[in-house]
Amino acid sequence: MAEKLPSILLGGAVIGVANVLISQIPVVGGCLACLLYLGAGMLAVWHYTNAHQVTLPGGQGALMGLLAGIAAALIGGILAFLLIRIGILPDPVAVMEASGQLSEMPPEQAEMALRWIRAVSGPLGLLFGAVIGGLIGLIGGAIGAATFKKGPEGPDASVESGAI
């Protein structure tokens, strides 16, 4: 698995950064960013199969996609947190307060909404993102394994087939 780590990290890093940027698009950004997790798995599998000229079984592709999706969620979450802290991205709590939506809610509901935003903007959001990103990345990795076929199946296929 060690030789797969660069591909997994590449897929995770590229999609993690793209998720932070895409999620800023009003209305559809969140949906598009979520769909990008498919790309984390596919990119990781593509990079690995391209670099090693092998075909991965679906299970290995799915595992790589799972790990790339988790990496993308963690990298994107940490990057978004840092960009919010230094003032490049808007703070979700400040955006909600400035939108005027809280003033239209009963006080209990407004407080609950703010607690929810604070919770998903912190460690709970990272955990939730890692689970969702991993599951969607798993699907992308399986699709990538079925799509990107470059040579003999598996990293040890050259030994099994007698080729050196």
C-alpha atoms as a PDB file:
ATOM      1  CA  MET A   1       0.000   0.000   0.000  1.00  0.00           C
ATOM      2  CA  ALA A   2       2.988   2.303   0.510  1.00  0.00           C
ATOM      3  CA  GLU A   3       3.508   2.700  -3.248  1.00  0.00           C
ATOM      4  CA  LYS A   4      -0.150   3.765  -3.566  1.00  0.00           C
ATOM      5  CA  LEU A   5       0.161   6.520  -0.956  1.00  0.00           C
ATOM      6  CA  PRO A   6       1.451   9.225  -3.361  1.00  0.00           C
ATOM      7  CA  SER A   7      -1.502   8.606  -5.682  1.00  0.00           C
ATOM      8  CA  ILE A   8      -3.956   8.693  -2.778  1.00  0.00           C
ATOM      9  CA  LEU A   9      -2.477  11.930  -1.437  1.00  0.00           C
ATOM     10  CA  LEU A  10      -2.447  13.494  -4.908  1.00  0.00           C
ATOM     11  CA  GLY A  11      -6.129  12.701  -5.431  1.00  0.00           C
ATOM     12  CA  GLY A  12      -6.952  13.939  -1.938  1.00  0.00           C
ATOM     13  CA  ALA A  13      -4.972  17.164  -2.215  1.00  0.00           C
ATOM     14  CA  VAL A  14      -6.231  18.166  -5.661  1.00  0.00           C
ATOM     15  CA  ILE A  15      -9.870  17.484  -4.816  1.00  0.00           C
ATOM     16  CA  GLY A  16      -9.567  18.959  -1.310  1.00  0.00           C
ATOM     17  CA  VAL A  17      -8.365  22.290  -2.713  1.00  0.00           C
ATOM     18  CA  ALA A  18     -10.934  22.179  -5.525  1.00  0.00           C
ATOM     19  CA  ASN A  19     -13.700  21.500  -2.972  1.00  0.00           C
ATOM     20  CA  VAL A  20     -12.829  24.642  -1.024  1.00  0.00           C
ATOM     21  CA  LEU A  21     -13.035  26.738  -4.186  1.00  0.00           C
ATOM     22  CA  ILE A  22     -16.122  25.078  -5.704  1.00  0.00           C
ATOM     23  CA  SER A  23     -18.069  25.207  -2.442  1.00  0.00           C
ATOM     24  CA  GLN A  24     -18.012  29.004  -2.629  1.00  0.00           C
ATOM     25  CA  ILE A  25     -20.343  28.992  -5.650  1.00  0.00           C
ATOM     26  CA  PRO A  26     -23.775  30.105  -4.459  1.00  0.00           C
ATOM     27  CA  VAL A  27     -26.648  27.606  -4.482  1.00  0.00           C
ATOM     28  CA  VAL A  28     -24.976  24.654  -6.292  1.00  0.00           C
ATOM     29  CA  GLY A  29     -21.451  24.838  -4.839  1.00  0.00           C
ATOM     30  CA  GLY A  30     -22.098  22.382  -2.025  1.00  0.00           C
ATOM     31  CA  CYS A  31     -23.579  19.785  -4.366  1.00  0.00           C
ATOM     32  CA  LEU A  32     -20.738  20.128  -6.861  1.00  0.00           C
ATOM     33  CA  ALA A  33     -18.143  19.929  -4.099  1.00  0.00           C
ATOM     34  CA  CYS A  34     -19.740  16.732  -2.825  1.00  0.00           C
ATOM     35  CA  LEU A  35     -19.681  15.210  -6.306  1.00  0.00           C
ATOM     36  CA  LEU A  36     -16.002  16.051  -6.582  1.00  0.00           C
ATOM     37  CA  TYR A  37     -15.253  13.303  -4.071  1.00  0.00           C
ATOM     38  CA  LEU A  38     -15.885  10.881  -6.940  1.00  0.00           C
ATOM     39  CA  GLY A  39     -12.970  12.605  -8.626  1.00  0.00           C
ATOM     40  CA  ALA A  40     -10.671  11.973  -5.644  1.00  0.00           C
ATOM     41  CA  GLY A  41     -11.027   8.224  -6.047  1.00  0.00           C
ATOM     42  CA  MET A  42     -10.856   8.330  -9.810  1.00  0.00           C
ATOM     43  CA  LEU A  43      -7.796  10.606  -9.813  1.00  0.00           C
ATOM     44  CA  ALA A  44      -5.949   8.412  -7.310  1.00  0.00           C
ATOM     45  CA  VAL A  45      -6.622   5.257  -9.341  1.00  0.00           C
ATOM     46  CA  TRP A  46      -5.801   6.980 -12.631  1.00  0.00           C
ATOM     47  CA  HIS A  47      -2.489   8.255 -11.294  1.00  0.00           C
ATOM     48  CA  TYR A  48      -1.509   4.864  -9.879  1.00  0.00           C
ATOM     49  CA  THR A  49      -2.474   2.865 -12.953  1.00  0.00           C
ATOM     50  CA  ASN A  50      -0.779   5.387 -15.217  1.00  0.00           C
ATOM     51  CA  ALA A  51       2.439   5.481 -13.178  1.00  0.00           C
ATOM     52  CA  HIS A  52       2.724   1.689 -12.792  1.00  0.00           C
ATOM     53  CA  GLN A  53       1.032   0.569 -16.042  1.00  0.00           C
ATOM     54  CA  VAL A  54      -1.235  -1.897 -14.245  1.00  0.00           C
ATOM     55  CA  THR A  55      -4.937  -2.619 -13.997  1.00  0.00           C
ATOM     56  CA  LEU A  56      -6.331  -2.576 -10.475  1.00  0.00           C
ATOM     57  CA  PRO A  57      -9.045  -4.924  -9.253  1.00  0.00           C
ATOM     58  CA  GLY A  58     -12.234  -3.138  -8.231  1.00  0.00           C
ATOM     59  CA  GLY A  59     -11.603  -3.756  -4.531  1.00  0.00           C
ATOM     60  CA  GLN A  60      -8.178  -2.117  -4.616  1.00  0.00           C
ATOM     61  CA  GLY A  61      -9.566   0.807  -6.581  1.00  0.00           C
ATOM     62  CA  ALA A  62     -12.393   1.183  -4.077  1.00  0.00           C
ATOM     63  CA  LEU A  63      -9.933   1.154  -1.156  1.00  0.00           C
ATOM     64  CA  MET A  64      -7.764   3.766  -2.846  1.00  0.00           C
ATOM     65  CA  GLY A  65     -10.881   5.852  -3.523  1.00  0.00           C
ATOM     66  CA  LEU A  66     -11.995   5.555   0.101  1.00  0.00           C
ATOM     67  CA  LEU A  67      -8.643   6.791   1.360  1.00  0.00           C
ATOM     68  CA  ALA A  68      -8.410   9.545  -1.272  1.00  0.00           C
ATOM     69  CA  GLY A  69     -11.928  10.739  -0.381  1.00  0.00           C
ATOM     70  CA  ILE A  70     -11.031  10.866   3.319  1.00  0.00           C
ATOM     71  CA  ALA A  71      -7.820  12.734   2.492  1.00  0.00           C
ATOM     72  CA  ALA A  72      -9.741  15.203   0.307  1.00  0.00           C
ATOM     73  CA  ALA A  73     -12.257  15.895   3.076  1.00  0.00           C
ATOM     74  CA  LEU A  74      -9.567  16.406   5.704  1.00  0.00           C
ATOM     75  CA  ILE A  75      -7.337  18.540   3.485  1.00  0.00           C
ATOM     76  CA  GLY A  76     -10.291  20.624   2.280  1.00  0.00           C
ATOM     77  CA  GLY A  77     -11.697  21.015   5.790  1.00  0.00           C
ATOM     78  CA  ILE A  78      -8.405  22.119   7.289  1.00  0.00           C
ATOM     79  CA  LEU A  79      -7.722  24.472   4.372  1.00  0.00           C
ATOM     80  CA  ALA A  80     -11.189  26.032   4.671  1.00  0.00           C
ATOM     81  CA  PHE A  81     -10.718  26.454   8.427  1.00  0.00           C
ATOM     82  CA  LEU A  82      -7.387  28.216   7.892  1.00  0.00           C
ATOM     83  CA  LEU A  83      -8.785  30.452   5.130  1.00  0.00           C
ATOM     84  CA  ILE A  84     -11.706  31.433   7.367  1.00  0.00           C
ATOM     85  CA  ARG A  85      -9.362  32.208  10.271  1.00  0.00           C
ATOM     86  CA  ILE A  86      -7.137  34.487   8.185  1.00  0.00           C
ATOM     87  CA  GLY A  87     -10.150  36.215   6.644  1.00  0.00           C
ATOM     88  CA  ILE A  88      -9.998  35.040   3.033  1.00  0.00           C
ATOM     89  CA  LEU A  89     -13.222  33.024   3.251  1.00  0.00           C
ATOM     90  CA  PRO A  90     -16.292  34.326   5.081  1.00  0.00           C
ATOM     91  CA  ASP A  91     -17.075  32.946   8.534  1.00  0.00           C
ATOM     92  CA  PRO A  92     -20.276  30.850   8.262  1.00  0.00           C
ATOM     93  CA  VAL A  93     -21.621  32.211  11.565  1.00  0.00           C
ATOM     94  CA  ALA A  94     -21.062  35.808  10.443  1.00  0.00           C
ATOM     95  CA  VAL A  95     -22.703  35.076   7.089  1.00  0.00           C
ATOM     96  CA  MET A  96     -25.772  33.630   8.812  1.00  0.00           C
ATOM     97  CA  GLU A  97     -25.993  36.599  11.173  1.00  0.00           C
ATOM     98  CA  ALA A  98     -25.562  39.121   8.356  1.00  0.00           C
ATOM     99  CA  SER A  99     -28.160  37.430   6.157  1.00  0.00           C
ATOM    100  CA  GLY A 100     -30.995  38.489   8.429  1.00  0.00           C
ATOM    101  CA  GLN A 101     -32.408  34.971   8.524  1.00  0.00           C
ATOM    102  CA  LEU A 102     -31.800  34.662  12.250  1.00  0.00           C
ATOM    103  CA  SER A 103     -33.965  37.683  13.029  1.00  0.00           C
ATOM    104  CA  GLU A 104     -36.903  36.005  11.275  1.00  0.00           C
ATOM    105  CA  MET A 105     -36.646  32.915  13.509  1.00  0.00           C
ATOM    106  CA  PRO A 106     -37.853  32.451  17.052  1.00  0.00           C
ATOM    107  CA  PRO A 107     -34.909  32.999  19.473  1.00  0.00           C
ATOM    108  CA  GLU A 108     -34.683  29.303  20.386  1.00  0.00           C
ATOM    109  CA  GLN A 109     -34.544  28.275  16.748  1.00  0.00           C
ATOM    110  CA  ALA A 110     -31.956  30.958  15.933  1.00  0.00           C
ATOM    111  CA  GLU A 111     -29.737  29.758  18.794  1.00  0.00           C
ATOM    112  CA  MET A 112     -30.092  26.159  17.617  1.00  0.00           C
ATOM    113  CA  ALA A 113     -29.148  27.171  14.057  1.00  0.00           C
ATOM    114  CA  LEU A 114     -26.035  28.970  15.307  1.00  0.00           C
ATOM    115  CA  ARG A 115     -25.031  25.968  17.449  1.00  0.00           C
ATOM    116  CA  TRP A 116     -25.444  23.698  14.428  1.00  0.00           C
ATOM    117  CA  ILE A 117     -23.311  25.948  12.213  1.00  0.00           C
ATOM    118  CA  ARG A 118     -20.582  26.125  14.869  1.00  0.00           C
ATOM    119  CA  ALA A 119     -20.660  22.327  15.282  1.00  0.00           C
ATOM    120  CA  VAL A 120     -20.334  21.502  11.588  1.00  0.00           C
ATOM    121  CA  SER A 121     -17.654  24.164  11.151  1.00  0.00           C
ATOM    122  CA  GLY A 122     -15.406  22.382  13.653  1.00  0.00           C
ATOM    123  CA  PRO A 123     -14.169  18.861  14.346  1.00  0.00           C
ATOM    124  CA  LEU A 124     -17.631  17.338  13.922  1.00  0.00           C
ATOM    125  CA  GLY A 125     -17.744  18.762  10.393  1.00  0.00           C
ATOM    126  CA  LEU A 126     -14.333  17.241   9.635  1.00  0.00           C
ATOM    127  CA  LEU A 127     -15.514  13.846  10.835  1.00  0.00           C
ATOM    128  CA  PHE A 128     -18.770  14.073   8.887  1.00  0.00           C
ATOM    129  CA  GLY A 129     -16.874  15.214   5.781  1.00  0.00           C
ATOM    130  CA  ALA A 130     -14.390  12.355   6.092  1.00  0.00           C
ATOM    131  CA  VAL A 131     -17.202   9.797   6.253  1.00  0.00           C
ATOM    132  CA  ILE A 132     -19.101  11.285   3.299  1.00  0.00           C
ATOM    133  CA  GLY A 133     -15.934  11.944   1.293  1.00  0.00           C
ATOM    134  CA  GLY A 134     -14.673   8.426   1.937  1.00  0.00           C
ATOM    135  CA  LEU A 135     -17.918   6.776   0.868  1.00  0.00           C
ATOM    136  CA  ILE A 136     -18.241   8.829  -2.306  1.00  0.00           C
ATOM    137  CA  GLY A 137     -14.512   8.441  -3.019  1.00  0.00           C
ATOM    138  CA  LEU A 138     -14.933   4.672  -2.663  1.00  0.00           C
ATOM    139  CA  ILE A 139     -17.431   4.730  -5.518  1.00  0.00           C
ATOM    140  CA  GLY A 140     -15.073   6.896  -7.583  1.00  0.00           C
ATOM    141  CA  GLY A 141     -12.194   4.480  -6.950  1.00  0.00           C
ATOM    142  CA  ALA A 142     -14.275   1.519  -8.090  1.00  0.00           C
ATOM    143  CA  ILE A 143     -15.311   3.429 -11.223  1.00  0.00           C
ATOM    144  CA  GLY A 144     -11.673   4.353 -11.815  1.00  0.00           C
ATOM    145  CA  ALA A 145     -10.535   0.733 -11.471  1.00  0.00           C
ATOM    146  CA  ALA A 146     -13.121  -0.311 -14.063  1.00  0.00           C
ATOM    147  CA  THR A 147     -12.198   2.565 -16.370  1.00  0.00           C
ATOM    148  CA  PHE A 148      -8.422   2.995 -16.224  1.00  0.00           C
ATOM    149  CA  LYS A 149      -6.946  -0.303 -17.376  1.00  0.00           C
ATOM    150  CA  LYS A 150      -3.289  -0.013 -18.307  1.00  0.00           C
ATOM    151  CA  GLY A 151      -1.760  -3.480 -18.254  1.00  0.00           C
ATOM    152  CA  PRO A 152      -1.793  -6.691 -16.253  1.00  0.00           C
ATOM    153  CA  GLU A 153      -4.130  -6.765 -13.264  1.00  0.00           C
ATOM    154  CA  GLY A 154      -2.694  -5.891  -9.854  1.00  0.00           C
ATOM    155  CA  PRO A 155       0.745  -4.736  -8.750  1.00  0.00           C
ATOM    156  CA  ASP A 156       2.079  -8.321  -8.582  1.00  0.00           C
ATOM    157  CA  ALA A 157       0.668  -9.454 -11.933  1.00  0.00           C
ATOM    158  CA  SER A 158       4.067  -9.268 -13.665  1.00  0.00           C
ATOM    159  CA  VAL A 159       5.439 -11.910 -11.242  1.00  0.00           C
ATOM    160  CA  GLU A 160       2.389 -14.151 -11.674  1.00  0.00           C
ATOM    161  CA  SER A 161       2.501 -14.039 -15.469  1.00  0.00           C
ATOM    162  CA  GLY A 162       6.213 -14.812 -15.574  1.00  0.00           C
ATOM    163  CA  ALA A 163       7.214 -11.431 -16.985  1.00  0.00           C
ATOM    164  CA  ILE A 164      10.058  -9.606 -15.317  1.00  0.00           C
END
